[in-house]
Amino acid sequence: MLNARAEIQIFPDGRLDTRNAAKYIGLSEKTMAMQRSAGTGPNFIKRGRVFYYKEDLDAWLLGSGRVKSTAQARFNQRQSKSILS
């Protein structure tokens, strides 16, 4: 069960560190690191540490598109990878 009291801390300029960004979008920090490496995750900046802007996280979530099945999700993911190649 998710901790309903988990607070997400956002810097005054709208940045979130990886831990808070992961909480915000519901992924683990390790998954976000793997997505950064593969170039498949949300946009980020690196200023000594990695930060995400909330609007980039929202855009990434909305841009992923909604699907009706896991098969459709896999198909969309393959299509995205072939476009990038």
N, C-alpha and C. Protein backbone atom coordinates (compact mmCIF):
# COMPACT_ATOMS: atom_id res chain seq x y z
N MET A 1 0.84 -1.19 0.00
CA MET A 1 0.00 0.00 0.00
C MET A 1 0.88 1.24 0.00
N LEU A 2 0.52 2.21 -0.79
CA LEU A 2 1.28 3.45 -0.84
C LEU A 2 1.05 4.26 0.42
N ASN A 3 2.06 4.95 0.85
CA ASN A 3 1.94 5.82 2.02
C ASN A 3 1.24 7.10 1.59
N ALA A 4 0.02 7.26 2.03
CA ALA A 4 -0.77 8.43 1.63
C ALA A 4 -0.17 9.72 2.18
N ARG A 5 0.69 9.60 3.19
CA ARG A 5 1.26 10.79 3.81
C ARG A 5 2.62 11.16 3.19
N ALA A 6 3.06 10.40 2.21
CA ALA A 6 4.34 10.70 1.57
C ALA A 6 4.25 12.07 0.91
N GLU A 7 5.07 12.97 1.37
CA GLU A 7 5.07 14.32 0.82
C GLU A 7 6.10 14.44 -0.28
N ILE A 8 5.75 15.16 -1.29
CA ILE A 8 6.66 15.41 -2.40
C ILE A 8 7.17 16.83 -2.24
N GLN A 9 8.47 16.97 -2.16
CA GLN A 9 9.07 18.29 -1.98
C GLN A 9 9.48 18.85 -3.33
N ILE A 10 9.02 20.05 -3.59
CA ILE A 10 9.32 20.75 -4.84
C ILE A 10 10.04 22.04 -4.48
N PHE A 11 11.18 22.29 -5.12
CA PHE A 11 11.91 23.53 -4.89
C PHE A 11 11.07 24.70 -5.39
N PRO A 12 11.33 25.91 -4.87
CA PRO A 12 10.54 27.09 -5.29
C PRO A 12 10.52 27.33 -6.79
N ASP A 13 11.58 26.92 -7.50
CA ASP A 13 11.61 27.13 -8.95
C ASP A 13 10.96 25.99 -9.73
N GLY A 14 10.35 25.01 -9.03
CA GLY A 14 9.64 23.94 -9.71
C GLY A 14 10.43 22.66 -9.91
N ARG A 15 11.67 22.63 -9.41
CA ARG A 15 12.51 21.44 -9.57
C ARG A 15 12.18 20.39 -8.51
N LEU A 16 12.37 19.12 -8.89
CA LEU A 16 12.29 18.01 -7.95
C LEU A 16 13.57 17.20 -8.10
N ASP A 17 14.10 16.69 -6.99
CA ASP A 17 15.23 15.79 -7.10
C ASP A 17 14.70 14.42 -7.53
N THR A 18 15.60 13.48 -7.78
CA THR A 18 15.18 12.18 -8.31
C THR A 18 14.23 11.46 -7.36
N ARG A 19 14.50 11.50 -6.07
CA ARG A 19 13.64 10.81 -5.10
C ARG A 19 12.21 11.34 -5.16
N ASN A 20 12.06 12.65 -5.16
CA ASN A 20 10.72 13.24 -5.19
C ASN A 20 10.06 13.09 -6.56
N ALA A 21 10.85 13.16 -7.62
CA ALA A 21 10.30 12.95 -8.96
C ALA A 21 9.78 11.52 -9.10
N ALA A 22 10.52 10.56 -8.56
CA ALA A 22 10.10 9.16 -8.61
C ALA A 22 8.78 8.96 -7.86
N LYS A 23 8.67 9.58 -6.69
CA LYS A 23 7.41 9.51 -5.94
C LYS A 23 6.27 10.13 -6.75
N TYR A 24 6.55 11.26 -7.38
CA TYR A 24 5.53 12.00 -8.10
C TYR A 24 4.94 11.18 -9.26
N ILE A 25 5.81 10.48 -10.01
CA ILE A 25 5.30 9.73 -11.17
C ILE A 25 5.11 8.25 -10.89
N GLY A 26 5.44 7.81 -9.67
CA GLY A 26 5.16 6.43 -9.29
C GLY A 26 6.15 5.40 -9.78
N LEU A 27 7.39 5.80 -9.98
CA LEU A 27 8.44 4.88 -10.38
C LEU A 27 9.51 4.83 -9.29
N SER A 28 10.39 3.85 -9.37
CA SER A 28 11.50 3.80 -8.43
C SER A 28 12.63 4.70 -8.92
N GLU A 29 13.50 5.07 -8.00
CA GLU A 29 14.65 5.90 -8.39
C GLU A 29 15.53 5.15 -9.38
N LYS A 30 15.68 3.85 -9.18
CA LYS A 30 16.52 3.06 -10.08
C LYS A 30 15.93 3.03 -11.49
N THR A 31 14.61 2.89 -11.59
CA THR A 31 13.96 2.91 -12.91
C THR A 31 14.22 4.25 -13.59
N MET A 32 14.13 5.32 -12.84
CA MET A 32 14.37 6.64 -13.43
C MET A 32 15.82 6.76 -13.90
N ALA A 33 16.76 6.21 -13.14
CA ALA A 33 18.17 6.23 -13.55
C ALA A 33 18.36 5.43 -14.84
N MET A 34 17.71 4.30 -14.92
CA MET A 34 17.82 3.48 -16.14
C MET A 34 17.20 4.20 -17.33
N GLN A 35 16.09 4.88 -17.11
CA GLN A 35 15.46 5.62 -18.20
C GLN A 35 16.31 6.81 -18.63
N ARG A 36 16.98 7.46 -17.68
CA ARG A 36 17.89 8.56 -18.05
C ARG A 36 18.99 8.04 -18.95
N SER A 37 19.55 6.89 -18.58
CA SER A 37 20.64 6.30 -19.35
C SER A 37 20.18 5.90 -20.75
N ALA A 38 18.96 5.36 -20.85
CA ALA A 38 18.43 4.92 -22.13
C ALA A 38 17.81 6.04 -22.95
N GLY A 39 17.58 7.20 -22.32
CA GLY A 39 16.95 8.32 -23.01
C GLY A 39 15.46 8.14 -23.20
N THR A 40 14.83 7.32 -22.35
CA THR A 40 13.40 7.06 -22.50
C THR A 40 12.54 7.72 -21.43
N GLY A 41 13.16 8.36 -20.47
CA GLY A 41 12.41 8.97 -19.38
C GLY A 41 12.13 10.44 -19.62
N PRO A 42 11.62 11.10 -18.59
CA PRO A 42 11.34 12.53 -18.71
C PRO A 42 12.61 13.36 -18.85
N ASN A 43 12.48 14.55 -19.40
CA ASN A 43 13.62 15.47 -19.50
C ASN A 43 14.13 15.80 -18.10
N PHE A 44 15.43 16.01 -17.99
CA PHE A 44 16.05 16.32 -16.71
C PHE A 44 17.21 17.26 -16.93
N ILE A 45 17.69 17.83 -15.84
CA ILE A 45 18.91 18.64 -15.90
C ILE A 45 19.89 18.06 -14.89
N LYS A 46 21.15 18.26 -15.16
CA LYS A 46 22.17 17.78 -14.23
C LYS A 46 23.06 18.96 -13.86
N ARG A 47 22.95 19.36 -12.64
CA ARG A 47 23.76 20.46 -12.09
C ARG A 47 24.46 19.92 -10.85
N GLY A 48 25.38 18.98 -11.06
CA GLY A 48 25.99 18.28 -9.93
C GLY A 48 25.10 17.14 -9.51
N ARG A 49 23.82 17.41 -9.32
CA ARG A 49 22.78 16.42 -9.05
C ARG A 49 21.77 16.47 -10.18
N VAL A 50 20.96 15.44 -10.25
CA VAL A 50 19.92 15.39 -11.28
C VAL A 50 18.64 15.99 -10.73
N PHE A 51 18.01 16.83 -11.53
CA PHE A 51 16.73 17.44 -11.17
C PHE A 51 15.76 17.32 -12.33
N TYR A 52 14.49 17.31 -11.99
CA TYR A 52 13.41 17.29 -12.97
C TYR A 52 12.50 18.48 -12.68
N TYR A 53 11.98 19.08 -13.73
CA TYR A 53 10.96 20.11 -13.54
C TYR A 53 9.59 19.44 -13.58
N LYS A 54 8.71 19.89 -12.71
CA LYS A 54 7.37 19.30 -12.60
C LYS A 54 6.65 19.31 -13.94
N GLU A 55 6.78 20.39 -14.69
CA GLU A 55 6.09 20.45 -15.98
C GLU A 55 6.63 19.41 -16.96
N ASP A 56 7.93 19.09 -16.87
CA ASP A 56 8.50 18.04 -17.73
C ASP A 56 7.96 16.67 -17.32
N LEU A 57 7.80 16.45 -16.02
CA LEU A 57 7.23 15.18 -15.56
C LEU A 57 5.79 15.03 -16.03
N ASP A 58 5.01 16.12 -15.90
CA ASP A 58 3.63 16.09 -16.36
C ASP A 58 3.54 15.84 -17.87
N ALA A 59 4.39 16.51 -18.62
CA ALA A 59 4.39 16.33 -20.08
C ALA A 59 4.76 14.91 -20.46
N TRP A 60 5.73 14.33 -19.76
CA TRP A 60 6.15 12.95 -20.04
C TRP A 60 5.01 11.99 -19.73
N LEU A 61 4.34 12.19 -18.62
CA LEU A 61 3.22 11.32 -18.27
C LEU A 61 2.10 11.41 -19.31
N LEU A 62 1.78 12.62 -19.73
CA LEU A 62 0.71 12.80 -20.72
C LEU A 62 1.14 12.34 -22.11
N GLY A 63 2.42 12.52 -22.42
CA GLY A 63 2.93 12.15 -23.74
C GLY A 63 3.05 10.66 -23.95
N SER A 64 3.06 9.91 -22.85
CA SER A 64 3.19 8.46 -22.97
C SER A 64 1.94 7.85 -23.60
N GLY A 65 0.85 8.53 -23.49
CA GLY A 65 -0.40 8.06 -24.07
C GLY A 65 -1.06 6.97 -23.24
N ARG A 66 -2.34 6.91 -23.34
CA ARG A 66 -3.10 5.89 -22.63
C ARG A 66 -3.35 4.73 -23.56
N VAL A 67 -3.32 3.55 -23.00
CA VAL A 67 -3.53 2.34 -23.80
C VAL A 67 -4.61 1.48 -23.16
N LYS A 68 -5.13 0.53 -23.94
CA LYS A 68 -6.19 -0.35 -23.45
C LYS A 68 -5.66 -1.72 -23.07
N SER A 69 -4.42 -2.03 -23.44
CA SER A 69 -3.87 -3.35 -23.10
C SER A 69 -2.35 -3.26 -23.01
N THR A 70 -1.76 -4.25 -22.35
CA THR A 70 -0.29 -4.29 -22.28
C THR A 70 0.30 -4.56 -23.66
N ALA A 71 -0.42 -5.28 -24.52
CA ALA A 71 0.06 -5.53 -25.88
C ALA A 71 0.17 -4.22 -26.65
N GLN A 72 -0.81 -3.35 -26.48
CA GLN A 72 -0.77 -2.06 -27.14
C GLN A 72 0.38 -1.22 -26.60
N ALA A 73 0.62 -1.29 -25.30
CA ALA A 73 1.72 -0.55 -24.69
C ALA A 73 3.06 -1.03 -25.24
N ARG A 74 3.22 -2.36 -25.36
CA ARG A 74 4.47 -2.91 -25.92
C ARG A 74 4.65 -2.47 -27.36
N PHE A 75 3.57 -2.50 -28.14
CA PHE A 75 3.63 -2.07 -29.54
C PHE A 75 4.06 -0.61 -29.63
N ASN A 76 3.45 0.25 -28.82
CA ASN A 76 3.80 1.67 -28.82
C ASN A 76 5.25 1.88 -28.44
N GLN A 77 5.71 1.10 -27.46
CA GLN A 77 7.10 1.23 -27.01
C GLN A 77 8.06 0.82 -28.13
N ARG A 78 7.74 -0.26 -28.83
CA ARG A 78 8.59 -0.69 -29.95
C ARG A 78 8.63 0.35 -31.06
N GLN A 79 7.45 0.93 -31.34
CA GLN A 79 7.37 1.98 -32.37
C GLN A 79 8.25 3.17 -31.98
N SER A 80 8.21 3.56 -30.71
CA SER A 80 9.01 4.69 -30.25
C SER A 80 10.49 4.40 -30.40
N LYS A 81 10.89 3.19 -30.07
CA LYS A 81 12.31 2.82 -30.18
C LYS A 81 12.77 2.80 -31.63
N SER A 82 11.91 2.33 -32.55
CA SER A 82 12.32 2.27 -33.95
C SER A 82 12.41 3.66 -34.56
N ILE A 83 11.60 4.58 -34.08
CA ILE A 83 11.67 5.97 -34.57
C ILE A 83 12.98 6.61 -34.13
N LEU A 84 13.40 6.30 -32.89
CA LEU A 84 14.63 6.89 -32.36
C LEU A 84 15.88 6.30 -32.98
N SER A 85 15.79 5.10 -33.53
CA SER A 85 16.96 4.42 -34.11
C SER A 85 17.29 4.93 -35.47
